Amino acid sequence: MMRTTDRYIFKQVFLATTYGVVSLSLFLVLARIFQDIRPLVVDQHVPLPLVSKFILNAFPISLMYTIPWGFMAAVLLVFGRLSAEQEINAMKLGGVGLFRIACPVFLLGALLSALCTWVNVEIVPRAGASMDNIVYEAVESNPQSLIQPGIIISQLANMRIFVQKKEQDKLHNLHIYRLPDPKNPDSLGEYVYAEDASFAVDPDNKQIKLTLTSAYIESPDKKGNLDIYVASAAPWKVDLTRKKKLIATSMTNEELRAMLQSPPEDFSEKNRIKFSSMITQRYSFAMASLAFAFVAVPLSLARHRKDSSSGILAAMMIGAAYFVFSLLGQKAQSPSMAAALLWAPNVLCLVAGLLLFHRVRFR
């Protein structure tokens, strides 16, 4: 049965966590917008629905990180204030132990960990898959905006396009560089120049068709010799479709397990470790909120008693170290080592928190 103090602490930490998570998520979403979609908004005038879709998908992805960080910051602030205003001492004088005082924090941490498990396992992979296609959907929704005069177009894989002048569907001084495909040893690249080209869009086949006038084409052979030829009018198709890439962050756990059971022929051992560790990472990240609860409470009290910022600094360092372990786990040489590195920060936070609780309790 929750006491009045339990409800009071739970409410204060919950409100502070909500504020912190929303603030951090908005910051991360804005950073993703400026990094990923700003060029399309400025150069290609992406429609507002796609921008809204990008934001709606970026927000749940940010929750994977902002919920644990926002919760830790909230516990530090709330318990620091309670300690500064002597409310913690008043509860102790009433016969309530420090660990019992922190029980609402542990409860909220467990609830947030359950929420993070659902978000990390179900929401984040689907949002990631949707975000992977948003930039490409912008090109498909308005292919005419893809080619802009005076700008090197690099959105298409293994291809660069430059146009000096554009008049509606007519292009002047067109340069096309088809780069060698690093995954295809037979791909040698190609260069095409045309004084003029007509521009047409095939929405059914998702293609841009360029009909070149006075075209100059250079195509090297395997011996390094250039095959040069001129065509007065040669159709040139630029395919906007692309093969689906295997991205671990954009695949559900079921998809990851199915792929690991039947991997592609060119699937390396490094990728196998990376994809298998992604499943572990989602669950270990979900437990971060509960692990941080054991550390944040005693550090917030230690900070007040020392009258310094050492508690907050130590908590932030622990939080940063938590995610450093995740990076090391992704670079591990075996799935077992990756799992150990990914779960290690949870165990360390729990042990360190219990030791800190013991030290603060008897001060």
Protein backbone atom coordinates (compact mmCIF):
# COMPACT_ATOMS: atom_id res chain seq x y z
CA MET A 1 0.00 0.00 0.00
CA MET A 2 1.44 3.35 -1.04
CA ARG A 3 1.82 6.00 1.61
CA THR A 4 1.29 9.70 1.10
CA THR A 5 5.05 10.17 0.85
CA ASP A 6 5.23 7.42 -1.78
CA ARG A 7 2.61 9.12 -3.93
CA TYR A 8 4.31 12.47 -3.43
CA ILE A 9 7.76 11.21 -4.48
CA PHE A 10 6.33 9.16 -7.34
CA LYS A 11 4.44 12.16 -8.71
CA GLN A 12 7.42 14.51 -8.43
CA VAL A 13 9.81 12.11 -10.16
CA PHE A 14 7.23 11.20 -12.81
CA LEU A 15 6.53 14.84 -13.74
CA ALA A 16 10.24 15.68 -13.83
CA THR A 17 10.91 12.59 -15.96
CA THR A 18 8.18 13.53 -18.41
CA TYR A 19 9.58 17.02 -18.78
CA GLY A 20 13.12 15.72 -19.21
CA VAL A 21 12.18 13.04 -21.75
CA VAL A 22 10.13 15.46 -23.86
CA SER A 23 12.89 18.10 -23.81
CA LEU A 24 15.67 15.65 -24.70
CA SER A 25 13.56 13.99 -27.40
CA LEU A 26 12.73 17.30 -29.06
CA PHE A 27 16.42 18.16 -29.07
CA LEU A 28 17.37 14.85 -30.69
CA VAL A 29 14.53 15.03 -33.21
CA LEU A 30 15.55 18.53 -34.26
CA ALA A 31 19.12 17.33 -34.68
CA ARG A 32 17.92 14.48 -36.93
CA ILE A 33 15.81 16.89 -38.96
CA PHE A 34 18.72 19.23 -39.64
CA GLN A 35 21.02 16.31 -40.43
CA ASP A 36 18.84 14.03 -42.54
CA ILE A 37 15.90 15.89 -44.00
CA ARG A 38 16.96 19.55 -44.12
CA PRO A 39 18.71 19.18 -47.52
CA LEU A 40 15.55 17.71 -49.01
CA VAL A 41 13.34 20.38 -47.49
CA VAL A 42 15.55 23.19 -48.79
CA ASP A 43 16.64 21.76 -52.15
CA GLN A 44 13.73 19.57 -53.16
CA HIS A 45 10.76 21.09 -51.32
CA VAL A 46 9.67 17.89 -49.64
CA PRO A 47 5.90 17.90 -48.95
CA LEU A 48 4.81 18.57 -45.40
CA PRO A 49 3.24 15.10 -44.86
CA LEU A 50 6.65 13.46 -45.38
CA VAL A 51 8.28 15.88 -42.93
CA SER A 52 5.55 15.10 -40.39
CA LYS A 53 6.08 11.39 -40.98
CA PHE A 54 9.80 11.83 -40.38
CA ILE A 55 9.18 13.58 -37.06
CA LEU A 56 6.63 11.00 -35.91
CA ASN A 57 9.12 8.21 -36.59
CA ALA A 58 12.15 10.01 -35.15
CA PHE A 59 10.43 10.69 -31.82
CA PRO A 60 9.94 7.04 -30.69
CA ILE A 61 13.48 6.21 -31.79
CA SER A 62 14.81 8.93 -29.49
CA LEU A 63 12.88 7.43 -26.55
CA MET A 64 15.33 4.53 -26.52
CA TYR A 65 17.90 6.94 -25.10
CA THR A 66 15.93 9.82 -23.60
CA ILE A 67 13.76 7.81 -21.20
CA PRO A 68 16.74 6.48 -19.14
CA TRP A 69 18.59 9.80 -19.29
CA GLY A 70 15.49 11.84 -18.46
CA PHE A 71 14.63 9.51 -15.57
CA MET A 72 18.13 9.73 -14.10
CA ALA A 73 18.13 13.53 -14.34
CA ALA A 74 14.69 13.66 -12.72
CA VAL A 75 15.75 11.49 -9.76
CA LEU A 76 18.87 13.62 -9.21
CA LEU A 77 16.89 16.85 -9.26
CA VAL A 78 13.96 15.68 -7.12
CA PHE A 79 15.98 13.91 -4.43
CA GLY A 80 18.53 16.70 -4.42
CA ARG A 81 15.74 19.17 -3.69
CA LEU A 82 14.15 16.90 -1.05
CA SER A 83 17.51 16.57 0.66
CA ALA A 84 18.21 20.31 0.48
CA GLU A 85 14.83 21.11 2.05
CA GLN A 86 15.36 18.52 4.81
CA GLU A 87 12.37 16.46 3.70
CA ILE A 88 14.49 13.31 3.52
CA ASN A 89 15.63 13.85 7.12
CA ALA A 90 12.03 14.43 8.18
CA MET A 91 11.01 11.08 6.68
CA LYS A 92 13.91 9.36 8.42
CA LEU A 93 12.85 10.88 11.75
CA GLY A 94 9.42 9.40 11.07
CA GLY A 95 10.97 5.95 11.04
CA VAL A 96 11.19 5.49 7.26
CA GLY A 97 14.48 4.10 5.98
CA LEU A 98 16.27 5.50 2.95
CA PHE A 99 15.71 2.38 0.87
CA ARG A 100 12.00 2.50 1.70
CA ILE A 101 11.90 6.19 0.76
CA ALA A 102 13.36 5.30 -2.64
CA CYS A 103 10.82 2.52 -3.33
CA PRO A 104 8.60 4.79 -5.52
CA VAL A 105 11.67 5.51 -7.63
CA PHE A 106 12.35 1.80 -8.07
CA LEU A 107 8.71 1.23 -8.98
CA LEU A 108 8.77 4.01 -11.58
CA GLY A 109 12.10 2.73 -12.89
CA ALA A 110 10.60 -0.76 -13.33
CA LEU A 111 7.55 0.68 -15.13
CA LEU A 112 9.77 2.73 -17.42
CA SER A 113 11.92 -0.33 -18.14
CA ALA A 114 8.78 -2.24 -19.13
CA LEU A 115 7.77 0.68 -21.36
CA CYS A 116 11.26 0.78 -22.88
CA THR A 117 11.11 -2.96 -23.58
CA TRP A 118 7.95 -2.45 -25.61
CA VAL A 119 9.33 0.64 -27.35
CA ASN A 120 12.73 -0.92 -28.15
CA VAL A 121 11.36 -4.25 -29.36
CA GLU A 122 8.17 -3.22 -31.15
CA ILE A 123 8.19 0.50 -31.97
CA VAL A 124 11.81 1.43 -32.71
CA PRO A 125 12.44 -1.20 -35.45
CA ARG A 126 9.27 -0.24 -37.32
CA ALA A 127 10.01 3.46 -36.98
CA GLY A 128 13.56 2.88 -38.20
CA ALA A 129 12.33 0.98 -41.26
CA SER A 130 9.89 3.76 -42.03
CA MET A 131 12.57 6.44 -41.68
CA ASP A 132 14.88 4.56 -44.04
CA ASN A 133 12.30 5.01 -46.77
CA ILE A 134 11.25 8.60 -46.09
CA VAL A 135 14.14 10.23 -47.93
CA TYR A 136 13.58 7.96 -50.89
CA GLU A 137 9.83 8.56 -50.81
CA ALA A 138 10.56 12.26 -51.10
CA VAL A 139 12.36 11.64 -54.39
CA GLU A 140 9.63 9.34 -55.64
CA SER A 141 6.84 11.77 -54.74
CA ASN A 142 8.42 14.61 -56.71
CA PRO A 143 11.13 13.31 -59.04
CA GLN A 144 11.29 16.61 -60.95
CA SER A 145 12.74 18.25 -57.88
CA LEU A 146 15.60 15.75 -57.82
CA ILE A 147 17.54 17.51 -60.58
CA GLN A 148 18.32 21.13 -59.76
CA PRO A 149 20.67 23.33 -61.82
CA GLY A 150 24.04 24.13 -60.28
CA ILE A 151 23.72 21.41 -57.60
CA ILE A 152 25.47 18.04 -57.59
CA ILE A 153 22.76 15.44 -57.09
CA SER A 154 24.00 12.63 -54.85
CA GLN A 155 20.77 11.06 -53.54
CA LEU A 156 20.96 8.20 -56.05
CA ALA A 157 23.25 5.32 -55.15
CA ASN A 158 26.52 5.14 -57.13
CA MET A 159 25.53 8.10 -59.28
CA ARG A 160 26.23 11.83 -59.40
CA ILE A 161 24.28 14.23 -61.64
CA PHE A 162 25.07 17.84 -62.45
CA VAL A 163 23.01 20.16 -64.66
CA GLN A 164 24.09 23.66 -65.58
CA LYS A 165 20.64 24.88 -66.66
CA LYS A 166 17.07 23.62 -66.45
CA GLU A 167 13.98 24.84 -68.30
CA GLN A 168 10.90 22.92 -67.20
CA ASP A 169 11.55 19.41 -68.59
CA LYS A 170 14.60 20.44 -70.64
CA LEU A 171 18.13 20.08 -69.28
CA HIS A 172 21.22 21.80 -70.64
CA ASN A 173 24.86 20.75 -70.15
CA LEU A 174 24.07 17.54 -68.33
CA HIS A 175 26.85 15.55 -66.63
CA ILE A 176 26.21 12.05 -65.28
CA TYR A 177 28.86 10.10 -63.36
CA ARG A 178 27.99 6.47 -62.73
CA LEU A 179 30.41 5.39 -60.02
CA PRO A 180 31.79 1.86 -59.72
CA ASP A 181 29.81 -0.33 -57.36
CA PRO A 182 32.22 -1.46 -54.59
CA LYS A 183 30.17 -4.64 -54.11
CA ASN A 184 30.34 -5.53 -57.80
CA PRO A 185 33.88 -6.13 -59.14
CA ASP A 186 32.58 -6.01 -62.73
CA SER A 187 31.23 -2.49 -62.27
CA LEU A 188 33.68 0.01 -63.82
CA GLY A 189 31.68 3.23 -63.85
CA GLU A 190 30.67 5.50 -66.70
CA TYR A 191 30.63 9.18 -67.65
CA VAL A 192 27.96 10.77 -69.82
CA TYR A 193 27.74 14.32 -71.11
CA ALA A 194 24.92 15.81 -73.15
CA GLU A 195 24.40 19.31 -74.44
CA ASP A 196 20.65 18.90 -74.10
CA ALA A 197 18.32 16.29 -72.64
CA SER A 198 14.59 15.86 -72.34
CA PHE A 199 13.24 14.90 -68.96
CA ALA A 200 10.31 12.54 -68.36
CA VAL A 201 8.98 10.65 -65.35
CA ASP A 202 7.56 7.14 -65.33
CA PRO A 203 5.67 6.93 -61.99
CA ASP A 204 4.53 3.33 -62.58
CA ASN A 205 8.10 2.05 -62.93
CA LYS A 206 9.50 4.74 -60.60
CA GLN A 207 12.03 5.85 -63.18
CA ILE A 208 13.42 9.07 -64.57
CA LYS A 209 13.94 8.79 -68.30
CA LEU A 210 16.47 11.08 -69.91
CA THR A 211 16.64 11.31 -73.69
CA LEU A 212 20.06 12.71 -74.51
CA THR A 213 20.91 14.93 -77.48
CA SER A 214 24.50 15.06 -78.76
CA ALA A 215 25.61 12.72 -76.03
CA TYR A 216 29.26 11.94 -75.28
CA ILE A 217 29.76 8.70 -73.35
CA GLU A 218 32.92 7.27 -71.82
CA SER A 219 32.90 3.69 -70.60
CA PRO A 220 36.13 1.97 -69.47
CA ASP A 221 36.71 -1.71 -70.01
CA LYS A 222 38.39 -4.17 -67.66
CA LYS A 223 41.79 -3.44 -69.18
CA GLY A 224 41.50 0.26 -68.41
CA ASN A 225 40.83 1.34 -72.00
CA LEU A 226 38.11 3.90 -72.66
CA ASP A 227 35.28 3.11 -75.02
CA ILE A 228 34.10 6.47 -76.33
CA TYR A 229 31.08 6.94 -78.52
CA VAL A 230 28.67 9.71 -79.48
CA ALA A 231 24.92 9.36 -79.82
CA SER A 232 22.61 12.01 -81.18
CA ALA A 233 19.62 10.67 -79.30
CA ALA A 234 20.03 7.83 -76.84
CA PRO A 235 17.52 6.96 -74.12
CA TRP A 236 19.01 6.94 -70.67
CA LYS A 237 17.04 5.61 -67.74
CA VAL A 238 17.79 6.41 -64.14
CA ASP A 239 16.16 3.83 -61.89
CA LEU A 240 14.76 5.20 -58.65
CA THR A 241 14.00 1.80 -57.19
CA ARG A 242 16.51 0.28 -54.82
CA LYS A 243 17.13 -3.02 -53.21
CA LYS A 244 16.12 -3.39 -49.61
CA LYS A 245 19.17 -3.23 -47.39
CA LEU A 246 19.64 -5.33 -44.28
CA ILE A 247 19.79 -2.81 -41.43
CA ALA A 248 19.76 -4.32 -37.94
CA THR A 249 18.18 -1.29 -36.28
CA SER A 250 15.28 -1.38 -38.75
CA MET A 251 14.45 -5.07 -38.29
CA THR A 252 12.20 -6.58 -35.63
CA ASN A 253 13.52 -9.32 -33.36
CA GLU A 254 11.54 -11.91 -35.33
CA GLU A 255 13.11 -10.71 -38.57
CA LEU A 256 16.57 -10.74 -37.01
CA ARG A 257 16.17 -14.29 -35.70
CA ALA A 258 14.78 -15.51 -39.03
CA MET A 259 17.66 -13.93 -40.93
CA LEU A 260 20.26 -15.37 -38.52
CA GLN A 261 18.77 -18.84 -39.06
CA SER A 262 18.88 -18.45 -42.86
CA PRO A 263 21.52 -15.79 -43.57
CA PRO A 264 22.38 -14.56 -47.09
CA GLU A 265 25.34 -16.12 -48.86
CA ASP A 266 27.54 -13.04 -48.40
CA PHE A 267 26.64 -12.65 -44.72
CA SER A 268 29.90 -12.29 -42.76
CA GLU A 269 30.65 -13.36 -39.20
CA LYS A 270 30.99 -9.70 -38.22
CA ASN A 271 27.46 -9.01 -39.41
CA ARG A 272 26.17 -12.09 -37.61
CA ILE A 273 27.56 -10.79 -34.32
CA LYS A 274 26.20 -7.32 -35.00
CA PHE A 275 22.70 -8.54 -35.79
CA SER A 276 22.53 -10.97 -32.88
CA SER A 277 23.82 -8.34 -30.43
CA MET A 278 21.05 -5.97 -31.57
CA ILE A 279 18.49 -8.26 -29.94
CA THR A 280 20.43 -8.25 -26.68
CA GLN A 281 20.99 -4.50 -26.84
CA ARG A 282 17.28 -3.75 -27.04
CA TYR A 283 16.60 -5.63 -23.81
CA SER A 284 19.68 -4.35 -21.99
CA PHE A 285 18.88 -0.74 -22.92
CA ALA A 286 15.36 -1.27 -21.63
CA MET A 287 16.72 -2.11 -18.17
CA ALA A 288 18.74 1.11 -18.01
CA SER A 289 15.99 3.03 -16.20
CA LEU A 290 15.82 0.52 -13.36
CA ALA A 291 19.63 0.32 -13.15
CA PHE A 292 19.95 4.11 -13.05
CA ALA A 293 17.44 4.30 -10.18
CA PHE A 294 19.86 2.50 -7.85
CA VAL A 295 22.64 4.93 -8.69
CA ALA A 296 20.83 8.25 -8.93
CA VAL A 297 19.18 8.26 -5.47
CA PRO A 298 22.34 7.88 -3.32
CA LEU A 299 24.36 10.14 -5.63
CA SER A 300 21.80 12.92 -5.32
CA LEU A 301 22.03 12.74 -1.51
CA ALA A 302 25.82 12.57 -1.55
CA ARG A 303 25.90 15.64 -3.77
CA HIS A 304 23.91 17.68 -1.25
CA ARG A 305 25.93 16.59 1.74
CA LYS A 306 29.19 17.47 0.08
CA ASP A 307 27.65 20.67 -1.25
CA SER A 308 29.22 20.11 -4.66
CA SER A 309 28.31 18.90 -8.11
CA SER A 310 30.29 15.67 -7.74
CA GLY A 311 27.13 13.54 -7.49
CA ILE A 312 25.63 14.83 -10.71
CA LEU A 313 28.98 14.61 -12.48
CA ALA A 314 29.47 11.02 -11.32
CA ALA A 315 25.93 10.12 -12.42
CA MET A 316 26.47 11.61 -15.87
CA MET A 317 29.75 9.74 -16.19
CA ILE A 318 28.02 6.50 -15.25
CA GLY A 319 25.32 7.18 -17.81
CA ALA A 320 27.90 7.90 -20.51
CA ALA A 321 29.87 4.78 -19.56
CA TYR A 322 26.66 2.78 -19.90
CA PHE A 323 26.36 3.64 -23.57
CA VAL A 324 30.11 3.20 -24.13
CA PHE A 325 29.64 -0.41 -23.10
CA SER A 326 26.97 -0.72 -25.78
CA LEU A 327 29.41 0.52 -28.41
CA LEU A 328 32.02 -1.98 -27.22
CA GLY A 329 29.39 -4.71 -27.38
CA GLN A 330 28.78 -3.94 -31.03
CA LYS A 331 32.51 -4.36 -31.70
CA ALA A 332 32.82 -7.65 -29.81
CA GLN A 333 34.38 -10.69 -31.45
CA SER A 334 31.70 -13.17 -30.40
CA PRO A 335 27.98 -13.10 -29.49
CA SER A 336 28.72 -14.20 -25.89
CA MET A 337 31.23 -11.39 -25.42
CA ALA A 338 28.76 -8.90 -26.90
CA ALA A 339 26.04 -10.07 -24.51
CA ALA A 340 28.39 -9.78 -21.52
CA LEU A 341 29.41 -6.23 -22.46
CA LEU A 342 25.81 -5.15 -23.08
CA TRP A 343 24.53 -6.48 -19.75
CA ALA A 344 27.61 -5.47 -17.72
CA PRO A 345 26.56 -1.83 -17.12
CA ASN A 346 23.21 -2.93 -15.66
CA VAL A 347 24.95 -5.23 -13.20
CA LEU A 348 27.59 -2.62 -12.35
CA CYS A 349 24.97 0.06 -11.77
CA LEU A 350 23.05 -2.28 -9.46
CA VAL A 351 26.14 -3.22 -7.44
CA ALA A 352 27.44 0.36 -7.29
CA GLY A 353 24.01 1.61 -6.26
CA LEU A 354 23.71 -0.85 -3.39
CA LEU A 355 27.17 0.10 -2.14
CA LEU A 356 26.32 3.81 -2.37
CA PHE A 357 23.05 3.23 -0.52
CA HIS A 358 24.99 1.58 2.29
CA ARG A 359 27.48 4.46 2.52
CA VAL A 360 24.86 7.23 2.42
CA ARG A 361 22.59 5.43 4.88
CA PHE A 362 25.13 5.51 7.72
CA ARG A 363 26.40 9.03 7.22
